[in-house]
Protein backbone atom coordinates (compact mmCIF):
# COMPACT_ATOMS: atom_id res chain seq x y z
CA THR A 1 -17.44 -46.67 -10.80
CA GLU A 2 -16.70 -44.37 -13.72
CA GLY A 3 -18.04 -41.34 -11.86
CA THR A 4 -15.77 -42.02 -8.88
CA LEU A 5 -12.76 -42.40 -11.17
CA ILE A 6 -13.50 -39.08 -12.90
CA LEU A 7 -13.90 -37.32 -9.54
CA ALA A 8 -10.59 -38.78 -8.32
CA LEU A 9 -8.81 -37.64 -11.48
CA VAL A 10 -10.25 -34.12 -11.15
CA MET A 11 -9.12 -33.91 -7.52
CA LEU A 12 -5.64 -35.15 -8.39
CA LEU A 13 -5.50 -32.57 -11.18
CA GLY A 14 -6.17 -29.89 -8.57
CA ARG A 15 -3.26 -31.15 -6.47
CA ALA A 16 -1.04 -31.27 -9.56
CA MET A 17 -1.91 -27.63 -10.31
CA VAL A 18 -0.13 -26.40 -7.16
CA GLY A 19 3.15 -25.89 -9.04
CA PRO A 20 1.64 -24.04 -12.03
CA LEU A 21 -0.52 -21.91 -9.73
CA PHE A 22 2.54 -20.95 -7.70
CA ALA A 23 4.44 -20.09 -10.88
CA GLN A 24 1.60 -17.73 -11.86
CA SER A 25 0.91 -16.45 -8.34
CA ALA A 26 2.68 -13.09 -8.78
CA TRP A 27 0.68 -12.06 -11.85
CA ASN A 28 -1.01 -9.24 -9.91
CA ASN A 29 1.98 -7.99 -7.91
CA VAL A 30 2.58 -5.04 -10.22
CA THR A 31 -0.63 -3.50 -8.85
CA PHE A 32 1.02 -3.21 -5.42
CA THR A 33 3.19 -0.41 -6.80
CA ALA A 34 0.24 1.56 -8.22
CA GLY A 35 1.01 4.54 -5.98
CA GLU A 36 4.40 4.93 -7.66
CA VAL A 37 3.29 4.40 -11.28
CA ARG A 38 2.56 7.24 -13.68
CA ASP A 39 -1.01 7.15 -15.03
CA PRO A 40 -1.79 3.80 -13.32
CA GLY A 41 -5.26 3.63 -14.87
CA ARG A 42 -3.64 3.33 -18.29
CA ASN A 43 -0.30 1.66 -17.58
CA LEU A 44 -1.25 -1.03 -15.05
CA PRO A 45 -3.81 -2.82 -17.27
CA ARG A 46 -1.25 -2.79 -20.09
CA ALA A 47 1.45 -4.17 -17.81
CA LEU A 48 -0.86 -6.93 -16.57
CA LEU A 49 -2.04 -7.95 -20.04
CA TRP A 50 1.37 -7.86 -21.72
CA GLY A 51 3.21 -9.33 -18.73
CA CYS A 52 0.80 -12.22 -18.21
CA GLY A 53 0.56 -12.87 -21.95
CA LEU A 54 4.34 -13.03 -22.32
CA VAL A 55 4.78 -15.35 -19.33
CA VAL A 56 1.99 -17.68 -20.47
CA GLY A 57 3.59 -17.84 -23.92
CA LEU A 58 7.01 -18.69 -22.46
CA TYR A 59 5.51 -21.37 -20.21
CA LEU A 60 3.70 -22.97 -23.15
CA LEU A 61 6.92 -23.05 -25.18
CA ALA A 62 8.83 -24.54 -22.24
CA ASN A 63 6.23 -27.28 -21.77
CA LEU A 64 6.28 -27.98 -25.50
CA ALA A 65 10.05 -28.45 -25.25
CA TYR A 66 9.59 -30.90 -22.35
CA ILE A 67 7.02 -32.96 -24.26
CA VAL A 68 9.07 -33.05 -27.47
CA THR A 69 12.34 -33.92 -25.72
CA LEU A 70 11.31 -36.35 -22.98
CA PRO A 71 9.00 -39.38 -23.06
CA LEU A 72 6.08 -39.34 -20.65
CA SER A 73 7.92 -41.73 -18.33
CA GLY A 74 10.89 -39.34 -18.27
CA ILE A 75 8.65 -36.44 -17.25
CA GLN A 76 6.96 -38.54 -14.56
CA SER A 77 10.23 -39.83 -13.09
CA ALA A 78 12.33 -36.65 -13.34
CA PRO A 79 14.58 -36.45 -10.22
CA GLN A 80 12.90 -34.24 -7.59
CA ASN A 81 10.32 -33.22 -10.22
CA ARG A 82 12.95 -31.10 -12.03
CA VAL A 83 11.65 -31.63 -15.54
CA ALA A 84 13.51 -28.62 -16.97
CA THR A 85 16.83 -29.98 -15.70
CA ALA A 86 16.07 -33.43 -17.12
CA THR A 87 15.25 -31.83 -20.48
CA MET A 88 18.50 -29.88 -20.62
CA GLN A 89 20.45 -32.98 -19.63
CA ALA A 90 18.79 -34.96 -22.42
CA ILE A 91 19.74 -32.27 -24.95
CA LEU A 92 23.24 -31.23 -23.80
CA GLY A 93 24.30 -34.00 -21.45
CA PRO A 94 25.92 -33.18 -18.06
CA ARG A 95 26.62 -29.61 -19.22
CA GLY A 96 22.89 -29.08 -19.55
CA THR A 97 22.41 -29.66 -15.82
CA ILE A 98 24.98 -26.97 -15.00
CA LEU A 99 23.48 -24.51 -17.48
CA MET A 100 19.99 -25.08 -16.07
CA ALA A 101 21.26 -24.54 -12.52
CA ILE A 102 22.76 -21.20 -13.60
CA ALA A 103 19.54 -20.23 -15.42
CA ILE A 104 17.46 -21.10 -12.35
CA MET A 105 19.70 -18.96 -10.13
CA ILE A 106 19.37 -15.98 -12.48
CA SER A 107 15.60 -16.47 -12.68
CA THR A 108 15.36 -16.77 -8.89
CA PHE A 109 17.25 -13.51 -8.34
CA GLY A 110 15.01 -11.76 -10.84
CA CYS A 111 11.87 -13.21 -9.26
CA ASN A 112 13.00 -12.21 -5.77
CA ASN A 113 13.72 -8.69 -6.99
CA GLY A 114 10.12 -8.26 -8.14
CA LEU A 115 8.55 -10.01 -5.14
CA ILE A 116 10.60 -8.07 -2.59
CA LEU A 117 9.86 -4.77 -4.34
CA ALA A 118 6.11 -5.39 -4.59
CA GLY A 119 5.56 -7.31 -1.35
CA ALA A 120 6.97 -4.59 0.88
CA ARG A 121 4.45 -2.15 -0.60
CA VAL A 122 1.63 -4.20 0.93
CA TYR A 123 3.01 -3.71 4.45
CA TYR A 124 3.65 -0.06 3.63
CA ALA A 125 0.09 0.50 2.35
CA MET A 126 -1.43 -1.27 5.37
CA ALA A 127 0.52 0.98 7.72
CA ARG A 128 -0.53 4.07 5.77
CA ASP A 129 -4.16 2.96 6.21
CA ASN A 130 -3.57 2.57 9.98
CA LEU A 131 -3.88 -1.22 9.76
CA PHE A 132 -0.29 -2.00 10.77
CA PHE A 133 2.55 -0.47 12.79
CA LYS A 134 2.93 3.18 11.80
CA ARG A 135 6.71 2.92 11.46
CA VAL A 136 6.26 0.40 8.65
CA GLY A 137 4.52 3.12 6.66
CA THR A 138 7.56 5.40 6.57
CA LEU A 139 10.27 5.92 3.95
CA ASN A 140 13.97 6.29 4.61
CA SER A 141 16.24 9.06 3.33
CA VAL A 142 16.31 7.57 -0.19
CA HIS A 143 12.51 7.12 -0.33
CA VAL A 144 12.53 3.35 0.28
CA PRO A 145 10.16 1.61 2.75
CA ALA A 146 13.09 0.11 4.64
CA THR A 147 11.11 -0.95 7.71
CA ALA A 148 8.53 -2.67 5.51
CA LEU A 149 11.33 -4.53 3.70
CA ILE A 150 12.84 -5.70 7.00
CA THR A 151 9.42 -6.80 8.26
CA GLN A 152 8.84 -8.75 5.05
CA GLY A 153 12.23 -10.45 5.37
CA ILE A 154 11.53 -11.57 8.93
CA TRP A 155 8.12 -12.97 7.96
CA ALA A 156 9.57 -14.77 4.93
CA ALA A 157 12.20 -16.40 7.15
CA LEU A 158 9.55 -17.56 9.62
CA LEU A 159 7.50 -19.15 6.84
CA THR A 160 10.39 -21.49 6.02
CA LEU A 161 10.46 -22.98 9.53
CA PRO A 162 7.27 -25.12 9.71
CA ARG A 163 7.41 -28.56 8.10
CA THR A 164 5.34 -31.69 8.54
CA VAL A 165 6.78 -34.59 10.53
CA THR A 166 5.54 -38.16 10.12
CA THR A 167 6.54 -41.15 12.24
CA ASN A 168 6.44 -44.74 11.02
CA PRO A 169 4.37 -46.63 13.64
CA GLN A 170 6.29 -49.86 13.04
CA THR A 171 9.90 -48.67 12.89
CA GLY A 172 9.60 -45.34 14.68
CA ALA A 173 11.52 -43.67 11.86
CA VAL A 174 10.86 -39.94 11.54
CA THR A 175 10.37 -38.38 8.10
CA TYR A 176 10.45 -34.63 7.56
CA GLY A 177 8.40 -33.09 4.78
CA ASN A 178 9.97 -31.23 1.89
CA VAL A 179 10.05 -27.54 2.85
CA TYR A 180 9.79 -26.32 -0.74
CA THR A 181 6.76 -28.49 -1.55
CA GLN A 182 5.04 -27.49 1.68
CA LEU A 183 5.70 -23.81 1.03
CA LEU A 184 4.07 -24.20 -2.37
CA GLU A 185 0.97 -25.78 -0.89
CA TYR A 186 0.28 -23.38 1.95
CA ILE A 187 1.25 -20.28 0.00
CA VAL A 188 -0.89 -21.25 -3.00
CA SER A 189 -3.84 -22.09 -0.74
CA ALA A 190 -3.63 -18.69 0.96
CA ASP A 191 -3.12 -16.91 -2.37
CA LEU A 192 -6.26 -18.49 -3.79
CA VAL A 193 -8.34 -17.19 -0.88
CA PHE A 194 -7.17 -13.64 -1.54
CA TYR A 195 -7.68 -13.99 -5.29
CA ILE A 196 -11.29 -15.01 -4.64
CA LEU A 197 -11.76 -11.99 -2.36
CA MET A 198 -10.04 -9.68 -4.84
CA VAL A 199 -12.10 -10.76 -7.84
CA GLY A 200 -15.25 -10.79 -5.71
CA ALA A 201 -14.49 -7.19 -4.75
CA VAL A 202 -14.81 -6.22 -8.42
CA ILE A 203 -18.47 -7.29 -8.32
CA VAL A 204 -19.12 -5.76 -4.90
CA MET A 205 -17.58 -2.41 -5.84
CA ARG A 206 -19.73 -2.20 -8.98
CA TYR A 207 -22.79 -2.15 -6.73
CA LYS A 208 -21.46 -0.21 -3.73
CA ALA A 209 -19.55 2.46 -5.62
CA PRO A 210 -20.90 2.70 -9.18
CA GLN A 211 -19.70 6.31 -9.43
CA LEU A 212 -15.98 5.43 -9.21
CA GLU A 213 -13.85 6.00 -12.29
CA ARG A 214 -13.04 2.72 -14.04
CA PRO A 215 -10.40 3.15 -16.74
CA TYR A 216 -10.50 -0.61 -17.37
CA ARG A 217 -13.63 -2.76 -17.48
CA THR A 218 -13.55 -6.53 -17.17
CA LEU A 219 -14.21 -8.34 -20.45
CA GLY A 220 -17.27 -10.58 -20.15
CA TYR A 221 -18.39 -9.09 -16.83
CA PRO A 222 -19.93 -10.52 -14.64
CA LEU A 223 -19.56 -14.02 -16.14
CA VAL A 224 -15.74 -14.07 -16.24
CA PRO A 225 -15.26 -13.03 -12.57
CA ILE A 226 -17.89 -15.55 -11.45
CA ILE A 227 -16.22 -18.40 -13.39
CA TYR A 228 -12.85 -17.42 -11.88
CA ILE A 229 -14.28 -17.43 -8.35
CA VAL A 230 -15.95 -20.84 -8.80
CA ILE A 231 -12.79 -22.49 -10.21
CA ALA A 232 -10.56 -20.95 -7.53
CA LEU A 233 -12.99 -22.07 -4.81
CA LEU A 234 -12.87 -25.63 -6.15
CA PHE A 235 -9.06 -25.54 -5.93
CA VAL A 236 -9.31 -24.29 -2.32
CA LEU A 237 -11.63 -27.16 -1.35
CA ASP A 238 -9.48 -29.67 -3.24
CA LEU A 239 -6.29 -28.63 -1.44
CA ALA A 240 -8.08 -28.59 1.92
CA TYR A 241 -9.14 -32.21 1.34
CA LEU A 242 -5.97 -33.66 -0.22
CA ALA A 243 -3.32 -31.69 1.70
CA PRO A 244 -4.91 -30.56 4.98
CA SER A 245 -1.66 -30.51 6.99
CA THR A 246 0.06 -28.05 4.64
CA SER A 247 -2.76 -26.07 3.04
CA GLY A 248 -4.25 -25.82 6.53
CA ILE A 249 -1.30 -23.66 7.55
CA GLY A 250 -2.13 -21.23 4.76
CA TYR A 251 -5.80 -21.10 5.72
CA LEU A 252 -4.90 -20.70 9.40
CA ILE A 253 -2.65 -17.73 8.62
CA VAL A 254 -5.50 -16.09 6.70
CA LEU A 255 -8.05 -16.76 9.46
CA THR A 256 -5.82 -15.36 12.20
CA GLY A 257 -5.63 -12.15 10.19
CA ILE A 258 -9.38 -11.54 10.57
CA PRO A 259 -9.45 -10.68 14.32
CA ILE A 260 -6.15 -8.83 13.97
CA TYR A 261 -7.68 -6.68 11.22
CA PHE A 262 -10.63 -5.69 13.41
CA VAL A 263 -8.32 -4.90 16.34
CA TRP A 264 -6.20 -2.62 14.16
CA ARG A 265 -9.27 -0.97 12.63
CA ARG A 266 -10.80 -0.30 16.04
CA SER A 267 -7.50 1.14 17.23
CA ALA A 268 -7.31 3.37 14.14
CA ASN A 269 -10.88 4.62 14.66
CA SER A 270 -10.22 5.40 18.32
CA ASP A 271 -7.19 7.51 17.34
């Protein structure tokens, strides 16, 4: 029926949004460094608005270039879903592939620089709040959370190890899943859970702590946060249904953190 077709298309759209959601997933990472930013109440909202606006603009221009340069069939059949590489190859020939590889490497190093800088601050802040090993909440002689950085590196390495394995019942052939694609799916699924909690906390804090200083107020509150939560929740349910083996890893990681949190909190209270 028409309704079933529309539902299927909507669900497939959710699966297709994994890549774009991953590309945008670090939009809030600058807030992790709030403790080291001058006048964070003024500068962090500006950084978020200008940073997100600039990235969205660049992404729109890039997608416009893909659509103008490649036919729809070329976008759909791009080798290993590398549409940007296919676009550069169509414009510059074989040299375009090399130039895109160099550009991707530069972009990756820049992305890692920001993620490593911001991510380690989460471990550091948890330790400072007595919710993680105390040593992780220390700085070295040059005021860098070295232990937190090492901890983050170990965890990042472990995340690359799991991959799905499927066996053909007729031939017995074993097929290993694509690590990159699987990382996208279970990282995005976990990210969405925390985004829902984070945006939901805005509403909760308005009621529980109305006296707190709020240098920035959400435009369209409470409608905008509620719309965000509903859409993100639909993506979570969509991924859980269409990609349970990979998104399930992300949800499992989040769920295992709940009892660990209470154990750490009880330990901190007893101290």
